[in-house]
């Protein structure tokens, strides 16, 4: 994603937040809320590093419903945080609780971050699109 497009995504996310906007699914459930940020913009919550060693660190975390989860790309290559079973090369690399919507950070550039919150409790299995084949996988347990 170009710097300009990243800025537009961030601006759109901020505008939606300012207006109280957020995407809901067709049956009135809540969608995960997401934004792309620079690392200095992070507030408290769970932080996961996307490493040079092609791993999520830590690979397994626990977050509360509504708590921010931020992935920070500490590597020199692009990474993604993708919780979309339709995009997974291997069945089971992405798995979501019933009622949760899939997500994809898009490419997170070196030094950038991606933040979202989860509104449905349960276990979320996710992966990095370009590094799924070397088991860059993660798990988030969302608790009430």
N, C-alpha and C. Protein backbone atom coordinates (compact mmCIF):
# COMPACT_ATOMS: atom_id res chain seq x y z
N UNK A 1 0.85 -1.15 0.00
CA UNK A 1 0.00 0.00 0.00
C UNK A 1 0.91 1.23 0.00
N UNK A 2 0.63 2.17 -0.86
CA UNK A 2 1.44 3.37 -0.92
C UNK A 2 1.21 4.22 0.32
N UNK A 3 2.16 5.13 0.58
CA UNK A 3 2.03 6.02 1.74
C UNK A 3 0.74 6.82 1.64
N UNK A 4 0.43 7.32 0.43
CA UNK A 4 -0.77 8.12 0.25
C UNK A 4 -2.03 7.30 0.54
N UNK A 5 -2.08 6.06 0.02
CA UNK A 5 -3.24 5.22 0.27
C UNK A 5 -3.35 4.89 1.75
N UNK A 6 -2.20 4.62 2.40
CA UNK A 6 -2.20 4.36 3.84
C UNK A 6 -2.76 5.54 4.61
N UNK A 7 -2.38 6.76 4.18
CA UNK A 7 -2.90 7.96 4.83
C UNK A 7 -4.40 8.08 4.64
N UNK A 8 -4.88 7.72 3.42
CA UNK A 8 -6.31 7.79 3.17
C UNK A 8 -7.07 6.78 4.01
N UNK A 9 -6.51 5.57 4.16
CA UNK A 9 -7.14 4.56 5.00
C UNK A 9 -7.21 5.04 6.43
N UNK A 10 -6.11 5.61 6.93
CA UNK A 10 -6.09 6.13 8.30
C UNK A 10 -7.10 7.25 8.46
N UNK A 11 -7.13 8.17 7.49
CA UNK A 11 -8.07 9.28 7.56
C UNK A 11 -9.51 8.79 7.55
N UNK A 12 -9.81 7.80 6.72
CA UNK A 12 -11.16 7.25 6.67
C UNK A 12 -11.53 6.58 7.99
N UNK A 13 -10.59 5.84 8.58
CA UNK A 13 -10.85 5.18 9.86
C UNK A 13 -11.11 6.21 10.95
N UNK A 14 -10.30 7.29 10.96
CA UNK A 14 -10.49 8.34 11.96
C UNK A 14 -11.81 9.05 11.77
N UNK A 15 -12.19 9.30 10.51
CA UNK A 15 -13.46 9.97 10.23
C UNK A 15 -14.62 9.10 10.70
N UNK A 16 -14.54 7.79 10.44
CA UNK A 16 -15.61 6.88 10.88
C UNK A 16 -15.70 6.89 12.40
N UNK A 17 -14.55 6.87 13.07
CA UNK A 17 -14.55 6.86 14.53
C UNK A 17 -15.15 8.15 15.07
N UNK A 18 -14.80 9.28 14.45
CA UNK A 18 -15.31 10.57 14.90
C UNK A 18 -16.82 10.67 14.72
N UNK A 19 -17.35 10.02 13.70
CA UNK A 19 -18.78 10.06 13.42
C UNK A 19 -19.53 8.95 14.14
N UNK A 20 -18.80 8.13 14.89
CA UNK A 20 -19.46 7.02 15.56
C UNK A 20 -19.73 5.89 14.61
N UNK A 21 -19.15 5.94 13.40
CA UNK A 21 -19.40 4.92 12.39
C UNK A 21 -18.63 3.67 12.65
N UNK A 22 -19.13 2.61 12.14
CA UNK A 22 -18.49 1.31 12.21
C UNK A 22 -19.32 0.38 11.39
N UNK A 23 -18.69 -0.65 10.87
CA UNK A 23 -19.42 -1.57 10.03
C UNK A 23 -20.09 -2.62 10.90
N UNK A 24 -21.34 -2.88 10.65
CA UNK A 24 -22.04 -3.98 11.30
C UNK A 24 -22.38 -5.00 10.24
N UNK A 25 -22.58 -6.26 10.63
CA UNK A 25 -22.93 -7.22 9.62
C UNK A 25 -24.42 -7.17 9.36
N UNK A 26 -24.86 -7.92 8.37
CA UNK A 26 -26.24 -7.83 7.89
C UNK A 26 -27.27 -8.16 8.97
N UNK A 27 -26.91 -9.02 9.94
CA UNK A 27 -27.88 -9.38 10.95
C UNK A 27 -27.71 -8.59 12.25
N UNK A 28 -27.05 -7.42 12.15
CA UNK A 28 -26.98 -6.51 13.28
C UNK A 28 -25.84 -6.79 14.23
N UNK A 29 -24.99 -7.77 13.95
CA UNK A 29 -23.86 -8.06 14.82
C UNK A 29 -22.77 -7.03 14.64
N UNK A 30 -21.79 -7.08 15.50
CA UNK A 30 -20.69 -6.13 15.45
C UNK A 30 -19.55 -6.69 14.62
N UNK A 31 -18.90 -5.83 13.86
CA UNK A 31 -17.73 -6.20 13.08
C UNK A 31 -16.48 -5.82 13.86
N UNK A 32 -15.36 -6.52 13.61
CA UNK A 32 -14.11 -6.04 14.20
C UNK A 32 -13.82 -4.64 13.66
N UNK A 33 -13.34 -3.76 14.50
CA UNK A 33 -13.00 -2.41 14.09
C UNK A 33 -11.51 -2.36 13.82
N UNK A 34 -11.08 -1.72 12.73
CA UNK A 34 -9.67 -1.74 12.36
C UNK A 34 -9.20 -0.37 11.91
N UNK A 35 -7.89 -0.13 12.08
CA UNK A 35 -7.25 1.06 11.54
C UNK A 35 -5.78 0.79 11.34
N UNK A 36 -5.18 1.54 10.45
CA UNK A 36 -3.74 1.46 10.23
C UNK A 36 -3.14 2.69 10.89
N UNK A 37 -2.09 2.49 11.70
CA UNK A 37 -1.51 3.59 12.47
C UNK A 37 0.00 3.55 12.38
N UNK A 38 0.62 4.64 12.79
CA UNK A 38 2.06 4.60 13.00
C UNK A 38 2.27 4.12 14.43
N UNK A 39 3.40 3.46 14.74
CA UNK A 39 3.59 2.89 16.08
C UNK A 39 3.41 3.90 17.20
N UNK A 40 3.70 5.15 17.01
CA UNK A 40 3.57 6.15 18.06
C UNK A 40 2.14 6.45 18.43
N UNK A 41 1.16 6.00 17.61
CA UNK A 41 -0.25 6.29 17.85
C UNK A 41 -0.93 5.26 18.76
N UNK A 42 -0.22 4.23 19.19
CA UNK A 42 -0.83 3.15 19.93
C UNK A 42 -1.26 3.58 21.33
N UNK A 43 -2.40 3.09 21.75
CA UNK A 43 -2.84 3.28 23.12
C UNK A 43 -2.64 1.94 23.83
N UNK A 44 -3.12 1.84 25.07
CA UNK A 44 -2.94 0.60 25.79
C UNK A 44 -3.74 -0.51 25.14
N UNK A 45 -3.31 -1.72 25.38
CA UNK A 45 -3.95 -2.90 24.80
C UNK A 45 -2.89 -3.96 24.58
N UNK A 46 -3.17 -4.89 23.70
CA UNK A 46 -2.27 -5.98 23.39
C UNK A 46 -1.43 -5.61 22.18
N UNK A 47 -0.12 -5.84 22.26
CA UNK A 47 0.77 -5.57 21.13
C UNK A 47 1.42 -6.87 20.68
N UNK A 48 1.40 -7.09 19.36
CA UNK A 48 2.00 -8.26 18.74
C UNK A 48 3.02 -7.76 17.72
N UNK A 49 4.25 -8.23 17.82
CA UNK A 49 5.28 -7.84 16.86
C UNK A 49 5.26 -8.79 15.66
N UNK A 50 5.46 -8.21 14.49
CA UNK A 50 5.64 -8.97 13.25
C UNK A 50 7.15 -8.93 13.00
N UNK A 51 7.82 -10.07 13.14
CA UNK A 51 9.27 -10.07 13.25
C UNK A 51 10.02 -10.36 11.95
N UNK A 52 11.30 -10.04 12.01
CA UNK A 52 12.22 -10.35 10.92
C UNK A 52 12.32 -11.87 10.73
N UNK A 53 12.12 -12.62 11.82
CA UNK A 53 12.18 -14.08 11.77
C UNK A 53 10.90 -14.71 11.25
N UNK A 54 9.99 -13.89 10.69
CA UNK A 54 8.73 -14.35 10.10
C UNK A 54 7.85 -15.07 11.12
N UNK A 55 7.66 -14.38 12.26
CA UNK A 55 6.81 -14.88 13.33
C UNK A 55 6.00 -13.73 13.90
N UNK A 56 4.87 -14.08 14.53
CA UNK A 56 4.15 -13.14 15.36
C UNK A 56 4.68 -13.35 16.78
N UNK A 57 5.01 -12.26 17.48
CA UNK A 57 5.60 -12.38 18.81
C UNK A 57 4.85 -11.47 19.79
N UNK A 58 4.09 -12.04 20.74
CA UNK A 58 3.91 -13.47 20.96
C UNK A 58 2.93 -14.07 19.94
N UNK A 59 3.05 -15.38 19.74
CA UNK A 59 2.20 -16.08 18.77
C UNK A 59 0.79 -16.28 19.31
N UNK A 60 0.64 -16.32 20.64
CA UNK A 60 -0.67 -16.49 21.26
C UNK A 60 -0.86 -15.41 22.31
N UNK A 61 -2.01 -14.72 22.24
CA UNK A 61 -2.33 -13.66 23.20
C UNK A 61 -3.78 -13.79 23.64
N UNK A 62 -4.08 -13.13 24.75
CA UNK A 62 -5.45 -13.02 25.23
C UNK A 62 -5.80 -11.55 25.29
N UNK A 63 -7.00 -11.22 24.80
CA UNK A 63 -7.50 -9.84 24.83
C UNK A 63 -8.94 -9.88 25.32
N UNK A 64 -9.36 -8.78 25.91
CA UNK A 64 -10.75 -8.66 26.33
C UNK A 64 -11.58 -8.11 25.17
N UNK A 65 -12.87 -8.42 25.17
CA UNK A 65 -13.78 -7.85 24.17
C UNK A 65 -13.63 -6.34 24.20
N UNK A 66 -13.43 -5.73 23.04
CA UNK A 66 -13.30 -4.28 22.92
C UNK A 66 -11.90 -3.75 23.16
N UNK A 67 -10.98 -4.58 23.62
CA UNK A 67 -9.60 -4.14 23.85
C UNK A 67 -8.86 -4.05 22.51
N UNK A 68 -8.01 -3.04 22.38
CA UNK A 68 -7.25 -2.87 21.13
C UNK A 68 -6.13 -3.91 21.03
N UNK A 69 -6.02 -4.50 19.84
CA UNK A 69 -4.91 -5.39 19.52
C UNK A 69 -4.14 -4.72 18.39
N UNK A 70 -2.84 -4.52 18.61
CA UNK A 70 -2.00 -3.82 17.64
C UNK A 70 -0.87 -4.72 17.19
N UNK A 71 -0.74 -4.86 15.88
CA UNK A 71 0.38 -5.56 15.28
C UNK A 71 1.38 -4.50 14.82
N UNK A 72 2.64 -4.63 15.22
CA UNK A 72 3.70 -3.69 14.85
C UNK A 72 4.71 -4.44 13.99
N UNK A 73 4.97 -3.93 12.80
CA UNK A 73 5.94 -4.57 11.91
C UNK A 73 7.34 -4.08 12.26
N UNK A 74 8.08 -4.94 12.96
CA UNK A 74 9.47 -4.65 13.34
C UNK A 74 10.47 -5.16 12.30
N UNK A 75 9.97 -5.73 11.23
CA UNK A 75 10.83 -6.36 10.22
C UNK A 75 11.15 -5.40 9.08
N UNK A 76 11.98 -5.87 8.17
CA UNK A 76 12.34 -5.08 6.99
C UNK A 76 11.52 -5.50 5.77
N UNK A 77 10.55 -6.38 5.98
CA UNK A 77 9.67 -6.85 4.91
C UNK A 77 8.22 -6.59 5.29
N UNK A 78 7.34 -6.55 4.30
CA UNK A 78 5.91 -6.38 4.55
C UNK A 78 5.34 -7.64 5.18
N UNK A 79 4.35 -7.44 6.06
CA UNK A 79 3.62 -8.54 6.67
C UNK A 79 2.13 -8.21 6.62
N UNK A 80 1.29 -9.22 6.88
CA UNK A 80 -0.14 -8.99 7.07
C UNK A 80 -0.58 -9.70 8.35
N UNK A 81 -1.71 -9.29 8.88
CA UNK A 81 -2.42 -10.03 9.92
C UNK A 81 -3.78 -10.32 9.30
N UNK A 82 -3.99 -11.58 8.94
CA UNK A 82 -5.16 -11.95 8.15
C UNK A 82 -5.95 -13.05 8.84
N UNK A 83 -7.16 -12.73 9.22
CA UNK A 83 -8.08 -13.70 9.82
C UNK A 83 -9.22 -13.92 8.86
N UNK A 84 -8.92 -14.52 7.72
CA UNK A 84 -9.92 -14.76 6.68
C UNK A 84 -9.72 -16.17 6.14
N UNK A 85 -10.57 -17.12 6.56
CA UNK A 85 -10.42 -18.50 6.10
C UNK A 85 -10.41 -18.63 4.58
N UNK A 86 -11.10 -17.76 3.87
CA UNK A 86 -11.13 -17.84 2.41
C UNK A 86 -9.79 -17.52 1.78
N UNK A 87 -8.91 -16.82 2.50
CA UNK A 87 -7.60 -16.45 1.97
C UNK A 87 -6.49 -17.39 2.41
N UNK A 88 -6.80 -18.31 3.30
CA UNK A 88 -5.78 -19.22 3.84
C UNK A 88 -5.46 -20.33 2.85
N UNK A 89 -4.18 -20.60 2.67
CA UNK A 89 -3.74 -21.70 1.81
C UNK A 89 -3.99 -23.04 2.50
N UNK A 90 -3.89 -23.05 3.83
CA UNK A 90 -4.08 -24.27 4.61
C UNK A 90 -5.32 -24.13 5.49
N UNK A 91 -6.20 -25.12 5.40
CA UNK A 91 -7.40 -25.12 6.23
C UNK A 91 -6.98 -25.10 7.70
N UNK A 92 -7.57 -24.25 8.48
CA UNK A 92 -7.24 -24.17 9.90
C UNK A 92 -6.26 -23.07 10.25
N UNK A 93 -5.55 -22.51 9.25
CA UNK A 93 -4.63 -21.41 9.56
C UNK A 93 -5.41 -20.15 9.92
N UNK A 94 -6.65 -20.05 9.46
CA UNK A 94 -7.54 -18.95 9.85
C UNK A 94 -8.85 -19.58 10.29
N UNK A 95 -9.27 -19.23 11.49
CA UNK A 95 -10.51 -19.76 12.03
C UNK A 95 -11.07 -18.70 12.97
N UNK A 96 -12.37 -18.50 12.91
CA UNK A 96 -13.02 -17.44 13.69
C UNK A 96 -14.17 -17.99 14.50
N UNK A 97 -14.49 -17.34 15.61
CA UNK A 97 -15.68 -17.75 16.36
C UNK A 97 -16.95 -17.50 15.54
N UNK A 98 -17.97 -18.26 15.83
CA UNK A 98 -19.25 -18.06 15.15
C UNK A 98 -19.73 -16.63 15.38
N UNK A 99 -20.14 -15.96 14.32
CA UNK A 99 -20.63 -14.58 14.41
C UNK A 99 -19.56 -13.53 14.20
N UNK A 100 -18.29 -13.92 14.16
CA UNK A 100 -17.21 -12.96 13.94
C UNK A 100 -16.98 -12.78 12.43
N UNK A 101 -16.56 -11.59 12.05
CA UNK A 101 -16.26 -11.32 10.65
C UNK A 101 -14.77 -11.45 10.38
N UNK A 102 -14.45 -11.87 9.17
CA UNK A 102 -13.05 -12.00 8.78
C UNK A 102 -12.42 -10.61 8.64
N UNK A 103 -11.09 -10.58 8.67
CA UNK A 103 -10.36 -9.32 8.50
C UNK A 103 -9.05 -9.58 7.80
N UNK A 104 -8.50 -8.51 7.23
CA UNK A 104 -7.18 -8.55 6.59
C UNK A 104 -6.58 -7.16 6.72
N UNK A 105 -5.41 -7.07 7.31
CA UNK A 105 -4.76 -5.79 7.52
C UNK A 105 -4.27 -5.17 6.22
N UNK A 106 -4.16 -5.98 5.16
CA UNK A 106 -3.42 -5.52 4.00
C UNK A 106 -1.95 -5.54 4.37
N UNK A 107 -1.09 -5.15 3.45
CA UNK A 107 0.34 -5.18 3.74
C UNK A 107 0.70 -4.07 4.73
N UNK A 108 1.29 -4.47 5.84
CA UNK A 108 1.78 -3.54 6.85
C UNK A 108 3.26 -3.35 6.57
N UNK A 109 3.63 -2.15 6.21
CA UNK A 109 5.01 -1.83 5.83
C UNK A 109 5.93 -1.85 7.06
N UNK A 110 7.23 -2.03 6.85
CA UNK A 110 8.18 -1.96 7.96
C UNK A 110 8.02 -0.65 8.74
N UNK A 111 7.97 -0.76 10.06
CA UNK A 111 7.82 0.41 10.91
C UNK A 111 6.39 0.86 11.13
N UNK A 112 5.43 0.27 10.41
CA UNK A 112 4.02 0.65 10.54
C UNK A 112 3.31 -0.35 11.45
N UNK A 113 2.03 -0.07 11.72
CA UNK A 113 1.25 -0.96 12.57
C UNK A 113 -0.18 -1.03 12.08
N UNK A 114 -0.91 -1.99 12.60
CA UNK A 114 -2.32 -2.21 12.30
C UNK A 114 -3.01 -2.50 13.62
N UNK A 115 -4.13 -1.83 13.87
CA UNK A 115 -4.85 -1.99 15.14
C UNK A 115 -6.31 -2.30 14.88
N UNK A 116 -6.84 -3.21 15.67
CA UNK A 116 -8.28 -3.48 15.61
C UNK A 116 -8.76 -3.96 16.97
N UNK A 117 -10.07 -3.97 17.13
CA UNK A 117 -10.69 -4.51 18.33
C UNK A 117 -11.59 -5.66 17.92
N UNK A 118 -11.81 -6.57 18.84
CA UNK A 118 -12.67 -7.73 18.59
C UNK A 118 -13.87 -7.65 19.51
N UNK A 119 -15.07 -7.81 18.94
CA UNK A 119 -16.30 -7.67 19.70
C UNK A 119 -16.99 -9.00 19.98
N UNK A 120 -16.49 -10.09 19.41
CA UNK A 120 -17.08 -11.41 19.62
C UNK A 120 -16.07 -12.27 20.39
N UNK A 121 -16.43 -12.77 21.57
CA UNK A 121 -15.50 -13.62 22.31
C UNK A 121 -15.24 -14.94 21.57
N UNK A 122 -14.07 -15.49 21.82
CA UNK A 122 -13.72 -16.78 21.22
C UNK A 122 -12.28 -16.80 20.74
N UNK A 123 -11.94 -17.85 20.01
CA UNK A 123 -10.58 -18.05 19.51
C UNK A 123 -10.49 -17.64 18.05
N UNK A 124 -9.53 -16.77 17.76
CA UNK A 124 -9.26 -16.28 16.40
C UNK A 124 -7.89 -16.80 15.98
N UNK A 125 -7.86 -17.57 14.91
CA UNK A 125 -6.59 -18.03 14.33
C UNK A 125 -6.35 -17.20 13.08
N UNK A 126 -5.13 -16.69 12.93
CA UNK A 126 -4.81 -15.81 11.80
C UNK A 126 -3.41 -16.10 11.30
N UNK A 127 -3.05 -15.47 10.18
CA UNK A 127 -1.77 -15.75 9.52
C UNK A 127 -1.28 -14.53 8.76
N UNK A 128 -0.04 -14.60 8.30
CA UNK A 128 0.55 -13.58 7.43
C UNK A 128 0.48 -14.12 6.01
N UNK A 129 -0.19 -13.42 5.10
CA UNK A 129 -0.40 -13.91 3.74
C UNK A 129 0.92 -14.32 3.05
N UNK A 130 1.94 -13.44 2.98
CA UNK A 130 3.13 -13.87 2.25
C UNK A 130 4.00 -14.88 2.98
N UNK A 131 3.73 -15.12 4.27
CA UNK A 131 4.59 -16.02 5.05
C UNK A 131 3.82 -17.17 5.70
N UNK A 132 2.62 -17.42 5.24
CA UNK A 132 1.84 -18.54 5.77
C UNK A 132 2.57 -19.86 5.54
N UNK A 133 3.26 -19.96 4.39
CA UNK A 133 3.95 -21.21 4.04
C UNK A 133 5.12 -21.53 4.96
N UNK A 134 5.59 -20.55 5.76
CA UNK A 134 6.64 -20.82 6.76
C UNK A 134 6.06 -20.72 8.17
N UNK A 135 4.75 -20.92 8.26
CA UNK A 135 4.03 -20.99 9.54
C UNK A 135 4.07 -19.70 10.35
N UNK A 136 3.91 -18.55 9.67
CA UNK A 136 3.74 -17.30 10.41
C UNK A 136 2.25 -17.23 10.78
N UNK A 137 1.94 -17.81 11.95
CA UNK A 137 0.58 -17.99 12.41
C UNK A 137 0.42 -17.41 13.81
N UNK A 138 -0.79 -17.00 14.14
CA UNK A 138 -1.06 -16.48 15.47
C UNK A 138 -2.44 -16.86 15.96
N UNK A 139 -2.64 -16.72 17.28
CA UNK A 139 -3.92 -17.03 17.91
C UNK A 139 -4.23 -15.92 18.89
N UNK A 140 -5.47 -15.43 18.83
CA UNK A 140 -5.95 -14.46 19.80
C UNK A 140 -7.16 -15.08 20.49
N UNK A 141 -7.10 -15.17 21.80
CA UNK A 141 -8.24 -15.63 22.60
C UNK A 141 -8.92 -14.38 23.14
N UNK A 142 -10.15 -14.13 22.70
CA UNK A 142 -10.89 -12.95 23.15
C UNK A 142 -11.87 -13.40 24.23
N UNK A 143 -11.74 -12.77 25.40
CA UNK A 143 -12.57 -13.13 26.55
C UNK A 143 -13.48 -11.97 26.91
N UNK A 144 -14.65 -12.27 27.52
CA UNK A 144 -15.59 -11.20 27.90
C UNK A 144 -14.98 -10.25 28.94
